[in-house]
Each structure stands twice: as structure tokens, then as C-alpha cells.
N, C-alpha and C. Protein backbone atom coordinates (compact mmCIF):
# COMPACT_ATOMS: atom_id res chain seq x y z
N MET A 1 124.04 107.19 104.88
CA MET A 1 123.11 108.22 104.47
C MET A 1 122.51 107.87 103.11
N SER A 2 121.20 107.75 103.07
CA SER A 2 120.54 107.42 101.80
C SER A 2 119.95 108.67 101.20
N ALA A 3 120.18 108.84 99.92
CA ALA A 3 119.65 110.00 99.23
C ALA A 3 118.16 109.80 98.99
N ALA A 4 117.44 110.90 98.80
CA ALA A 4 116.02 110.81 98.51
C ALA A 4 115.84 110.12 97.16
N LYS A 5 114.77 109.36 97.04
CA LYS A 5 114.52 108.66 95.77
C LYS A 5 114.29 109.66 94.66
N VAL A 6 114.83 109.36 93.49
CA VAL A 6 114.69 110.25 92.35
C VAL A 6 113.42 109.85 91.60
N VAL A 7 112.52 110.82 91.42
CA VAL A 7 111.26 110.55 90.74
C VAL A 7 111.50 110.51 89.24
N ALA A 8 111.09 109.40 88.62
CA ALA A 8 111.22 109.27 87.17
C ALA A 8 110.02 109.89 86.47
N ALA A 9 108.82 109.66 87.03
CA ALA A 9 107.61 110.19 86.40
C ALA A 9 106.43 110.14 87.35
N THR A 10 105.43 110.95 87.05
CA THR A 10 104.16 110.88 87.75
C THR A 10 103.12 110.52 86.71
N ILE A 11 102.46 109.39 86.93
CA ILE A 11 101.51 108.88 85.95
C ILE A 11 100.11 109.00 86.54
N ARG A 12 99.21 109.57 85.76
CA ARG A 12 97.81 109.67 86.20
C ARG A 12 96.96 108.78 85.31
N LEU A 13 96.17 107.91 85.93
CA LEU A 13 95.30 107.01 85.18
C LEU A 13 93.91 107.01 85.80
N THR A 14 92.93 106.61 85.02
CA THR A 14 91.60 106.33 85.55
C THR A 14 91.34 104.86 85.27
N VAL A 15 91.26 104.09 86.34
CA VAL A 15 91.15 102.64 86.23
C VAL A 15 89.87 102.20 86.93
N PRO A 16 89.12 101.24 86.34
CA PRO A 16 87.92 100.76 87.05
C PRO A 16 88.30 100.07 88.36
N ALA A 17 87.49 100.27 89.40
CA ALA A 17 87.77 99.69 90.71
C ALA A 17 87.85 98.18 90.62
N GLY A 18 88.90 97.61 91.19
CA GLY A 18 89.07 96.17 91.19
C GLY A 18 89.32 95.60 89.81
N GLY A 19 89.59 96.46 88.83
CA GLY A 19 89.74 95.97 87.46
C GLY A 19 91.07 96.32 86.83
N ALA A 20 92.11 96.47 87.65
CA ALA A 20 93.43 96.77 87.08
C ALA A 20 94.02 95.48 86.52
N ARG A 21 94.30 95.47 85.23
CA ARG A 21 94.93 94.33 84.59
C ARG A 21 96.16 94.83 83.85
N PRO A 22 97.13 93.93 83.61
CA PRO A 22 98.34 94.40 82.91
C PRO A 22 98.12 94.72 81.43
N ALA A 23 96.89 94.78 81.00
CA ALA A 23 96.57 95.15 79.61
C ALA A 23 96.45 96.68 79.53
N PRO A 24 96.36 97.25 78.31
CA PRO A 24 96.13 98.69 78.22
C PRO A 24 94.87 99.08 78.98
N PRO A 25 94.79 100.25 79.60
CA PRO A 25 95.75 101.36 79.60
C PRO A 25 96.85 101.24 80.65
N VAL A 26 96.73 100.28 81.58
CA VAL A 26 97.68 100.19 82.69
C VAL A 26 99.05 99.70 82.21
N GLY A 27 99.07 98.64 81.41
CA GLY A 27 100.32 98.01 80.97
C GLY A 27 101.32 98.95 80.33
N PRO A 28 100.95 99.59 79.22
CA PRO A 28 101.90 100.48 78.54
C PRO A 28 102.35 101.66 79.42
N ALA A 29 101.41 102.20 80.21
CA ALA A 29 101.74 103.36 81.05
C ALA A 29 102.82 103.02 82.07
N LEU A 30 102.69 101.85 82.71
CA LEU A 30 103.67 101.47 83.72
C LEU A 30 104.88 100.78 83.10
N GLY A 31 104.65 100.09 82.00
CA GLY A 31 105.73 99.34 81.35
C GLY A 31 106.87 100.21 80.88
N GLN A 32 106.56 101.40 80.41
CA GLN A 32 107.63 102.25 79.87
C GLN A 32 108.56 102.76 80.96
N TYR A 33 108.12 102.68 82.23
CA TYR A 33 109.00 103.05 83.35
C TYR A 33 109.53 101.81 84.06
N ARG A 34 109.32 100.65 83.47
CA ARG A 34 109.82 99.35 83.96
C ARG A 34 109.37 99.08 85.39
N LEU A 35 108.07 99.35 85.65
CA LEU A 35 107.51 99.08 86.97
C LEU A 35 106.90 97.68 86.98
N ASN A 36 106.75 97.13 88.17
CA ASN A 36 106.18 95.80 88.31
C ASN A 36 104.66 95.89 88.13
N LEU A 37 104.19 95.42 86.98
CA LEU A 37 102.77 95.53 86.66
C LEU A 37 101.90 94.71 87.61
N MET A 38 102.29 93.47 87.87
CA MET A 38 101.45 92.61 88.69
C MET A 38 101.37 93.12 90.13
N ALA A 39 102.46 93.66 90.64
CA ALA A 39 102.45 94.21 92.00
C ALA A 39 101.45 95.36 92.07
N PHE A 40 101.47 96.24 91.05
CA PHE A 40 100.52 97.36 91.04
C PHE A 40 99.09 96.85 90.95
N CYS A 41 98.84 95.92 90.02
CA CYS A 41 97.47 95.43 89.82
C CYS A 41 96.91 94.79 91.09
N LYS A 42 97.72 93.95 91.74
CA LYS A 42 97.25 93.29 92.96
C LYS A 42 96.98 94.31 94.07
N ASP A 43 97.91 95.24 94.25
CA ASP A 43 97.79 96.25 95.29
C ASP A 43 96.58 97.15 95.05
N PHE A 44 96.44 97.61 93.80
CA PHE A 44 95.33 98.50 93.44
C PHE A 44 93.99 97.80 93.64
N ASN A 45 93.88 96.56 93.16
CA ASN A 45 92.63 95.81 93.28
C ASN A 45 92.29 95.55 94.75
N ALA A 46 93.31 95.33 95.57
CA ALA A 46 93.07 95.12 97.00
C ALA A 46 92.55 96.40 97.65
N ARG A 47 93.12 97.55 97.25
CA ARG A 47 92.71 98.82 97.85
C ARG A 47 91.32 99.26 97.41
N THR A 48 90.90 98.82 96.22
CA THR A 48 89.62 99.31 95.68
C THR A 48 88.50 98.27 95.75
N GLN A 49 88.68 97.20 96.52
CA GLN A 49 87.65 96.17 96.52
C GLN A 49 86.36 96.60 97.23
N LYS A 50 86.42 97.65 98.07
CA LYS A 50 85.20 98.09 98.75
C LYS A 50 84.28 98.88 97.83
N TYR A 51 84.79 99.32 96.66
CA TYR A 51 83.96 100.02 95.69
C TYR A 51 83.30 99.01 94.75
N LYS A 52 82.17 99.43 94.14
CA LYS A 52 81.52 98.57 93.17
C LYS A 52 82.43 98.40 91.96
N PRO A 53 82.43 97.22 91.34
CA PRO A 53 83.24 97.05 90.12
C PRO A 53 82.81 98.06 89.05
N GLU A 54 83.74 98.42 88.21
CA GLU A 54 83.53 99.38 87.12
C GLU A 54 83.38 100.83 87.59
N THR A 55 83.63 101.10 88.88
CA THR A 55 83.63 102.49 89.34
C THR A 55 84.95 103.11 88.90
N PRO A 56 84.92 104.21 88.14
CA PRO A 56 86.19 104.79 87.67
C PRO A 56 86.97 105.46 88.80
N MET A 57 88.15 104.93 89.09
CA MET A 57 88.98 105.45 90.17
C MET A 57 90.16 106.21 89.57
N ALA A 58 90.38 107.43 90.06
CA ALA A 58 91.55 108.19 89.62
C ALA A 58 92.74 107.74 90.47
N VAL A 59 93.83 107.39 89.81
CA VAL A 59 95.01 106.94 90.55
C VAL A 59 96.23 107.73 90.06
N THR A 60 97.04 108.17 91.01
CA THR A 60 98.28 108.89 90.68
C THR A 60 99.44 108.02 91.11
N ILE A 61 100.26 107.62 90.15
CA ILE A 61 101.39 106.74 90.43
C ILE A 61 102.67 107.56 90.33
N THR A 62 103.50 107.47 91.36
CA THR A 62 104.80 108.12 91.33
C THR A 62 105.84 107.05 91.08
N ALA A 63 106.48 107.12 89.92
CA ALA A 63 107.50 106.13 89.55
C ALA A 63 108.88 106.68 89.90
N TYR A 64 109.70 105.83 90.51
CA TYR A 64 111.06 106.24 90.88
C TYR A 64 112.08 105.61 89.95
N LYS A 65 113.29 106.20 89.93
CA LYS A 65 114.35 105.72 89.04
C LYS A 65 114.78 104.28 89.34
N ASP A 66 114.63 103.86 90.61
CA ASP A 66 115.05 102.50 90.95
C ASP A 66 113.94 101.47 90.70
N ASN A 67 113.00 101.80 89.79
CA ASN A 67 111.91 100.92 89.38
C ASN A 67 110.92 100.58 90.49
N THR A 68 110.86 101.38 91.55
CA THR A 68 109.83 101.21 92.56
C THR A 68 108.78 102.28 92.33
N PHE A 69 107.65 102.14 92.98
CA PHE A 69 106.58 103.12 92.79
C PHE A 69 105.71 103.23 94.03
N GLU A 70 105.00 104.34 94.11
CA GLU A 70 103.98 104.55 95.14
C GLU A 70 102.76 105.07 94.40
N PHE A 71 101.57 104.81 94.95
CA PHE A 71 100.40 105.38 94.30
C PHE A 71 99.33 105.75 95.31
N THR A 72 98.54 106.77 94.93
CA THR A 72 97.41 107.17 95.76
C THR A 72 96.15 107.02 94.92
N VAL A 73 95.11 106.53 95.56
CA VAL A 73 93.84 106.33 94.88
C VAL A 73 92.85 107.36 95.39
N LYS A 74 92.20 108.06 94.46
CA LYS A 74 91.19 109.03 94.83
C LYS A 74 89.83 108.42 94.54
N SER A 75 88.81 108.88 95.28
CA SER A 75 87.47 108.38 95.01
C SER A 75 87.01 108.91 93.65
N PRO A 76 85.97 108.32 93.07
CA PRO A 76 85.52 108.76 91.74
C PRO A 76 85.17 110.25 91.70
N SER A 77 85.10 110.79 90.49
CA SER A 77 84.85 112.22 90.34
C SER A 77 83.44 112.59 90.79
N VAL A 78 83.27 113.84 91.16
CA VAL A 78 81.97 114.34 91.61
C VAL A 78 80.94 114.17 90.49
N SER A 79 81.35 114.47 89.25
CA SER A 79 80.40 114.37 88.14
C SER A 79 79.90 112.93 87.97
N TRP A 80 80.78 111.95 88.23
CA TRP A 80 80.36 110.54 88.13
C TRP A 80 79.30 110.24 89.19
N TYR A 81 79.55 110.69 90.42
CA TYR A 81 78.58 110.48 91.50
C TYR A 81 77.24 111.16 91.18
N LEU A 82 77.31 112.39 90.66
CA LEU A 82 76.08 113.13 90.34
C LEU A 82 75.28 112.41 89.25
N LYS A 83 75.97 111.92 88.22
CA LYS A 83 75.28 111.20 87.15
C LYS A 83 74.62 109.94 87.70
N LYS A 84 75.35 109.22 88.57
CA LYS A 84 74.80 108.00 89.18
C LYS A 84 73.57 108.33 90.02
N ALA A 85 73.66 109.36 90.86
CA ALA A 85 72.57 109.71 91.75
C ALA A 85 71.35 110.20 90.96
N ALA A 86 71.60 110.95 89.90
CA ALA A 86 70.50 111.49 89.10
C ALA A 86 69.96 110.46 88.10
N GLY A 87 70.75 109.41 87.87
CA GLY A 87 70.33 108.38 86.92
C GLY A 87 70.37 108.85 85.48
N VAL A 88 71.33 109.70 85.14
CA VAL A 88 71.46 110.17 83.76
C VAL A 88 72.80 109.72 83.19
N GLU A 89 72.83 109.57 81.86
CA GLU A 89 74.07 109.17 81.19
C GLU A 89 75.04 110.33 81.09
N SER A 90 74.51 111.51 80.76
CA SER A 90 75.37 112.69 80.66
C SER A 90 74.59 113.91 81.14
N GLY A 91 75.32 114.99 81.37
CA GLY A 91 74.69 116.21 81.84
C GLY A 91 73.86 116.86 80.73
N SER A 92 73.32 118.03 81.02
CA SER A 92 72.51 118.75 80.06
C SER A 92 73.38 119.30 78.93
N SER A 93 72.80 119.34 77.73
CA SER A 93 73.54 119.92 76.61
C SER A 93 73.60 121.44 76.74
N ARG A 94 72.59 122.00 77.44
CA ARG A 94 72.56 123.45 77.66
C ARG A 94 72.29 123.73 79.14
N PRO A 95 73.34 123.62 80.00
CA PRO A 95 73.12 123.86 81.43
C PRO A 95 72.61 125.28 81.67
N GLY A 96 71.66 125.42 82.58
CA GLY A 96 71.08 126.72 82.84
C GLY A 96 69.80 126.94 82.05
N HIS A 97 69.66 126.25 80.91
CA HIS A 97 68.46 126.37 80.08
C HIS A 97 67.66 125.09 80.16
N VAL A 98 68.34 123.95 79.95
CA VAL A 98 67.68 122.65 79.97
C VAL A 98 68.14 121.91 81.22
N THR A 99 67.19 121.45 82.02
CA THR A 99 67.52 120.71 83.23
C THR A 99 67.59 119.22 82.90
N ALA A 100 68.72 118.60 83.17
CA ALA A 100 68.88 117.17 82.89
C ALA A 100 68.14 116.33 83.92
N SER A 101 68.22 116.74 85.18
CA SER A 101 67.59 115.99 86.26
C SER A 101 67.62 116.87 87.50
N SER A 102 67.06 116.35 88.60
CA SER A 102 67.17 117.11 89.85
C SER A 102 67.51 116.17 91.00
N LEU A 103 68.25 116.69 91.96
CA LEU A 103 68.67 115.93 93.13
C LEU A 103 68.32 116.71 94.39
N SER A 104 68.18 116.00 95.50
CA SER A 104 67.91 116.69 96.75
C SER A 104 69.22 117.06 97.43
N VAL A 105 69.12 117.93 98.41
CA VAL A 105 70.30 118.36 99.16
C VAL A 105 70.91 117.15 99.89
N ARG A 106 70.07 116.20 100.28
CA ARG A 106 70.55 115.00 100.96
C ARG A 106 71.54 114.22 100.08
N HIS A 107 71.24 114.12 98.76
CA HIS A 107 72.16 113.45 97.83
C HIS A 107 73.53 114.15 97.85
N VAL A 108 73.49 115.48 97.77
CA VAL A 108 74.72 116.27 97.76
C VAL A 108 75.52 116.02 99.03
N TYR A 109 74.83 115.98 100.16
CA TYR A 109 75.47 115.75 101.46
C TYR A 109 76.15 114.38 101.50
N GLU A 110 75.47 113.36 100.96
CA GLU A 110 76.03 112.00 100.94
C GLU A 110 77.29 111.95 100.08
N ILE A 111 77.24 112.60 98.91
CA ILE A 111 78.42 112.64 98.03
C ILE A 111 79.56 113.36 98.74
N ALA A 112 79.24 114.46 99.43
CA ALA A 112 80.26 115.22 100.15
C ALA A 112 80.91 114.36 101.24
N LYS A 113 80.12 113.54 101.93
CA LYS A 113 80.68 112.68 102.97
C LYS A 113 81.67 111.67 102.38
N VAL A 114 81.34 111.13 101.19
CA VAL A 114 82.24 110.18 100.53
C VAL A 114 83.52 110.89 100.08
N LYS A 115 83.35 112.08 99.49
CA LYS A 115 84.51 112.81 98.97
C LYS A 115 85.42 113.31 100.09
N GLN A 116 84.88 113.46 101.30
CA GLN A 116 85.69 113.97 102.40
C GLN A 116 86.82 113.01 102.77
N SER A 117 86.68 111.74 102.39
CA SER A 117 87.73 110.76 102.70
C SER A 117 88.94 110.92 101.76
N ASP A 118 88.80 111.71 100.69
CA ASP A 118 89.92 111.94 99.78
C ASP A 118 91.03 112.69 100.50
N PRO A 119 92.29 112.36 100.20
CA PRO A 119 93.40 113.00 100.91
C PRO A 119 93.40 114.53 100.81
N TYR A 120 93.04 115.09 99.67
CA TYR A 120 93.14 116.53 99.51
C TYR A 120 91.91 117.27 100.03
N LEU A 121 90.88 116.56 100.48
CA LEU A 121 89.69 117.22 101.02
C LEU A 121 89.49 116.95 102.50
N GLN A 122 90.45 116.30 103.14
CA GLN A 122 90.27 115.88 104.53
C GLN A 122 90.04 117.03 105.49
N ASN A 123 90.68 118.15 105.26
CA ASN A 123 90.59 119.25 106.22
C ASN A 123 89.54 120.29 105.85
N MET A 124 88.76 120.01 104.82
CA MET A 124 87.72 120.96 104.40
C MET A 124 86.41 120.65 105.11
N PRO A 125 85.67 121.66 105.52
CA PRO A 125 84.37 121.39 106.13
C PRO A 125 83.38 120.83 105.11
N LEU A 126 82.44 120.01 105.58
CA LEU A 126 81.45 119.40 104.69
C LEU A 126 80.66 120.44 103.91
N GLU A 127 80.40 121.58 104.54
CA GLU A 127 79.62 122.63 103.88
C GLU A 127 80.32 123.11 102.61
N SER A 128 81.65 123.30 102.70
CA SER A 128 82.41 123.78 101.54
C SER A 128 82.42 122.74 100.42
N ILE A 129 82.59 121.48 100.80
CA ILE A 129 82.59 120.41 99.79
C ILE A 129 81.21 120.35 99.14
N SER A 130 80.15 120.49 99.95
CA SER A 130 78.78 120.46 99.42
C SER A 130 78.55 121.60 98.43
N LYS A 131 79.06 122.79 98.76
CA LYS A 131 78.89 123.94 97.85
C LYS A 131 79.61 123.68 96.53
N SER A 132 80.78 123.09 96.61
CA SER A 132 81.54 122.76 95.40
C SER A 132 80.76 121.76 94.54
N ILE A 133 80.17 120.75 95.19
CA ILE A 133 79.38 119.74 94.48
C ILE A 133 78.15 120.38 93.83
N MET A 134 77.51 121.33 94.55
CA MET A 134 76.36 122.03 93.98
C MET A 134 76.77 122.81 92.73
N GLY A 135 77.95 123.41 92.77
CA GLY A 135 78.45 124.14 91.60
C GLY A 135 78.66 123.21 90.42
N THR A 136 79.22 122.04 90.68
CA THR A 136 79.42 121.05 89.62
C THR A 136 78.08 120.62 89.05
N ALA A 137 77.12 120.35 89.93
CA ALA A 137 75.79 119.93 89.49
C ALA A 137 75.15 121.01 88.63
N ASN A 138 75.31 122.26 89.05
CA ASN A 138 74.75 123.38 88.31
C ASN A 138 75.34 123.44 86.90
N SER A 139 76.64 123.24 86.79
CA SER A 139 77.28 123.32 85.48
C SER A 139 76.97 122.11 84.60
N MET A 140 76.40 121.06 85.22
CA MET A 140 75.99 119.88 84.44
C MET A 140 74.51 119.93 84.09
N GLY A 141 73.81 120.95 84.58
CA GLY A 141 72.38 121.06 84.31
C GLY A 141 71.55 120.20 85.24
N ILE A 142 72.10 119.85 86.40
CA ILE A 142 71.34 119.10 87.40
C ILE A 142 70.88 120.08 88.47
N LYS A 143 69.59 120.13 88.70
CA LYS A 143 69.01 121.10 89.64
C LYS A 143 69.03 120.51 91.03
N ILE A 144 69.45 121.31 92.02
CA ILE A 144 69.45 120.86 93.41
C ILE A 144 68.21 121.46 94.08
N VAL A 145 67.36 120.58 94.63
CA VAL A 145 66.13 121.03 95.31
C VAL A 145 66.19 120.61 96.75
N LYS A 146 65.36 121.26 97.58
CA LYS A 146 65.40 120.96 99.02
C LYS A 146 64.94 119.52 99.27
N ASP A 147 63.81 119.15 98.71
CA ASP A 147 63.30 117.78 98.84
C ASP A 147 62.76 117.35 97.48
N LEU A 148 62.99 116.08 97.13
CA LEU A 148 62.42 115.56 95.90
C LEU A 148 60.94 115.28 96.15
N ASP A 149 60.08 115.68 95.23
CA ASP A 149 58.63 115.47 95.42
C ASP A 149 58.27 113.99 95.25
């Protein structure tokens, strides 16, 4: 009978896709739990090679007491996708008053389709994910229009 693995820590990092190296921020975060850095870097880079380089990927690493680990990779944040689609560096300084940019509903739908592959959004309908994305866009000062002129 084997006991359940004892969790030592849960580490959350944002690492560029395909760019995990044993240097900071990855090295110190995993090193203090005596995890195998190269195994993580190789595995992470293999899992994220379908994304463009420098895409910020949220990763949650579960470290166990026996120096093993598991990790889940989430797709980039909605705000990152919105900034990319709108072509802006940052959102509006005064959302609701100053419009930073505008996107069509089609952009929102495409982002929702990508986000649906995330483990925690798999069972949500696309409409709900789209509404959530519209809310994020609204709070960033990005206007959602039916069609771009």
C-alpha cells in the first residue's frame, strides 16, 4: 500500500513559451524545493512549442516531498490576448472614459475558442467565456463592436 504523495509546495510562475531556462525566475523557484530543473525545462518547452516564442504562459507546479513534481500549463491571460488583438501596449488609463482601441465580436470569439482548451474552462459554454472576455476588455478600455469599419 503506497501512501498519497505529500505536497511540499505549489509554485505559480509565468514563463515565456518555449523559453524555460534554469536561470531566474525558474531556477530559484524550483531549486529551493530540490526539483530537477532540466527535466522541468525540457518538459515545459516541449509542451509549449506550439505557441509563439515569448508568449507568457502561466504554469502551476506541484512539488512533492520526494523531489518529484507535476505541472499544468494554462494558455496566456485574456488581457494578453486582448492587447495583442487590439495592437496596444497597455489598456486605457481611464476605462469607460478613454477608449484604448476597439475589437470586433469575431476577435472575442476567437480568443474564447483558444481559452476553452484551458482545463478550468473546458465545461463552460463559449458564450459564457465570450461574455467574460468582453468584461475584461471593457475594464481595459477596449470597446467591443459588431464589425470593425
